[in-house]
Amino acid sequence: MLKLAVSGMTCSGCVAAIQRALGAALPGAKVEVDLAKGTVMVDTVQSQESTVKFAIEDAGFTVAGLAT
């Protein structure tokens, strides 16, 4: 599972945008977005950090790095 710190998320629309972007980039991936903590967790067999980061940033958000 990959857990990233993501900035720029402010509402449920942002959560939906990230879920759509990651669903398109990694079909079948389990995506959990925690708006309050500013984190995105992605669980998939083909999870590549670069693919996940690109999809999130392409949706208009900033990946700050790995979250703890």
C-alpha atoms as a PDB file:
ATOM      1  CA  MET A   1       0.000   0.000   0.000  1.00  0.00           C
ATOM      2  CA  LEU A   2       1.226   3.448  -0.931  1.00  0.00           C
ATOM      3  CA  LYS A   3       0.345   6.380   1.339  1.00  0.00           C
ATOM      4  CA  LEU A   4       1.007   9.892   0.061  1.00  0.00           C
ATOM      5  CA  ALA A   5       0.660  13.373   1.538  1.00  0.00           C
ATOM      6  CA  VAL A   6      -1.405  15.456  -0.883  1.00  0.00           C
ATOM      7  CA  SER A   7      -2.083  19.181  -0.662  1.00  0.00           C
ATOM      8  CA  GLY A   8      -4.783  21.214  -2.335  1.00  0.00           C
ATOM      9  CA  MET A   9      -7.716  19.013  -1.307  1.00  0.00           C
ATOM     10  CA  THR A  10     -10.468  21.170   0.197  1.00  0.00           C
ATOM     11  CA  CYS A  11     -13.791  19.410  -0.338  1.00  0.00           C
ATOM     12  CA  SER A  12     -15.605  16.231  -1.316  1.00  0.00           C
ATOM     13  CA  GLY A  13     -15.292  17.271  -4.957  1.00  0.00           C
ATOM     14  CA  CYS A  14     -11.516  17.087  -4.597  1.00  0.00           C
ATOM     15  CA  VAL A  15     -11.813  13.612  -3.110  1.00  0.00           C
ATOM     16  CA  ALA A  16     -13.988  12.494  -6.027  1.00  0.00           C
ATOM     17  CA  ALA A  17     -11.550  13.987  -8.566  1.00  0.00           C
ATOM     18  CA  ILE A  18      -8.639  12.070  -7.062  1.00  0.00           C
ATOM     19  CA  GLN A  19     -10.640   8.849  -6.918  1.00  0.00           C
ATOM     20  CA  ARG A  20     -11.648   9.244 -10.586  1.00  0.00           C
ATOM     21  CA  ALA A  21      -8.087  10.012 -11.678  1.00  0.00           C
ATOM     22  CA  LEU A  22      -6.611   7.051  -9.850  1.00  0.00           C
ATOM     23  CA  GLY A  23      -9.425   4.761 -10.978  1.00  0.00           C
ATOM     24  CA  ALA A  24      -8.637   5.639 -14.588  1.00  0.00           C
ATOM     25  CA  ALA A  25      -4.867   5.252 -14.144  1.00  0.00           C
ATOM     26  CA  LEU A  26      -5.014   2.075 -12.049  1.00  0.00           C
ATOM     27  CA  PRO A  27      -8.252   0.160 -12.722  1.00  0.00           C
ATOM     28  CA  GLY A  28      -9.227  -2.019  -9.790  1.00  0.00           C
ATOM     29  CA  ALA A  29      -7.105  -0.108  -7.300  1.00  0.00           C
ATOM     30  CA  LYS A  30      -8.453   0.473  -3.808  1.00  0.00           C
ATOM     31  CA  VAL A  31      -8.242   4.213  -3.123  1.00  0.00           C
ATOM     32  CA  GLU A  32      -8.820   5.864   0.244  1.00  0.00           C
ATOM     33  CA  VAL A  33      -8.675   9.639   0.547  1.00  0.00           C
ATOM     34  CA  ASP A  34      -8.544  11.263   3.986  1.00  0.00           C
ATOM     35  CA  LEU A  35      -9.441  14.906   3.437  1.00  0.00           C
ATOM     36  CA  ALA A  36      -8.798  15.922   7.065  1.00  0.00           C
ATOM     37  CA  LYS A  37      -5.296  14.417   7.134  1.00  0.00           C
ATOM     38  CA  GLY A  38      -4.455  15.286   3.532  1.00  0.00           C
ATOM     39  CA  THR A  39      -3.517  11.738   2.623  1.00  0.00           C
ATOM     40  CA  VAL A  40      -4.248   9.365  -0.214  1.00  0.00           C
ATOM     41  CA  MET A  41      -3.752   5.605   0.174  1.00  0.00           C
ATOM     42  CA  VAL A  42      -3.624   3.378  -2.879  1.00  0.00           C
ATOM     43  CA  ASP A  43      -3.624  -0.408  -2.738  1.00  0.00           C
ATOM     44  CA  THR A  44      -3.116  -2.264  -5.995  1.00  0.00           C
ATOM     45  CA  VAL A  45      -0.931  -5.072  -7.294  1.00  0.00           C
ATOM     46  CA  GLN A  46       0.474  -2.834 -10.031  1.00  0.00           C
ATOM     47  CA  SER A  47       1.022   0.217  -7.834  1.00  0.00           C
ATOM     48  CA  GLN A  48       3.911   2.279  -9.086  1.00  0.00           C
ATOM     49  CA  GLU A  49       4.567   5.438  -7.139  1.00  0.00           C
ATOM     50  CA  SER A  50       5.269   7.457 -10.284  1.00  0.00           C
ATOM     51  CA  THR A  51       1.936   6.461 -11.875  1.00  0.00           C
ATOM     52  CA  VAL A  52       0.026   7.383  -8.729  1.00  0.00           C
ATOM     53  CA  LYS A  53       1.813  10.727  -8.363  1.00  0.00           C
ATOM     54  CA  PHE A  54       1.251  11.621 -12.007  1.00  0.00           C
ATOM     55  CA  ALA A  55      -2.483  10.841 -11.820  1.00  0.00           C
ATOM     56  CA  ILE A  56      -2.932  12.958  -8.673  1.00  0.00           C
ATOM     57  CA  GLU A  57      -0.916  15.866 -10.035  1.00  0.00           C
ATOM     58  CA  ASP A  58      -2.681  15.662 -13.403  1.00  0.00           C
ATOM     59  CA  ALA A  59      -5.959  16.073 -11.483  1.00  0.00           C
ATOM     60  CA  GLY A  60      -4.638  19.383 -10.120  1.00  0.00           C
ATOM     61  CA  PHE A  61      -3.224  18.466  -6.715  1.00  0.00           C
ATOM     62  CA  THR A  62       0.294  18.456  -5.265  1.00  0.00           C
ATOM     63  CA  VAL A  63       1.976  15.331  -3.945  1.00  0.00           C
ATOM     64  CA  ALA A  64       4.229  16.364  -1.070  1.00  0.00           C
ATOM     65  CA  GLY A  65       5.787  12.916  -0.652  1.00  0.00           C
ATOM     66  CA  LEU A  66       5.199   9.786   1.346  1.00  0.00           C
ATOM     67  CA  ALA A  67       2.916  10.161   4.349  1.00  0.00           C
ATOM     68  CA  THR A  68       3.596   8.557   7.706  1.00  0.00           C
END
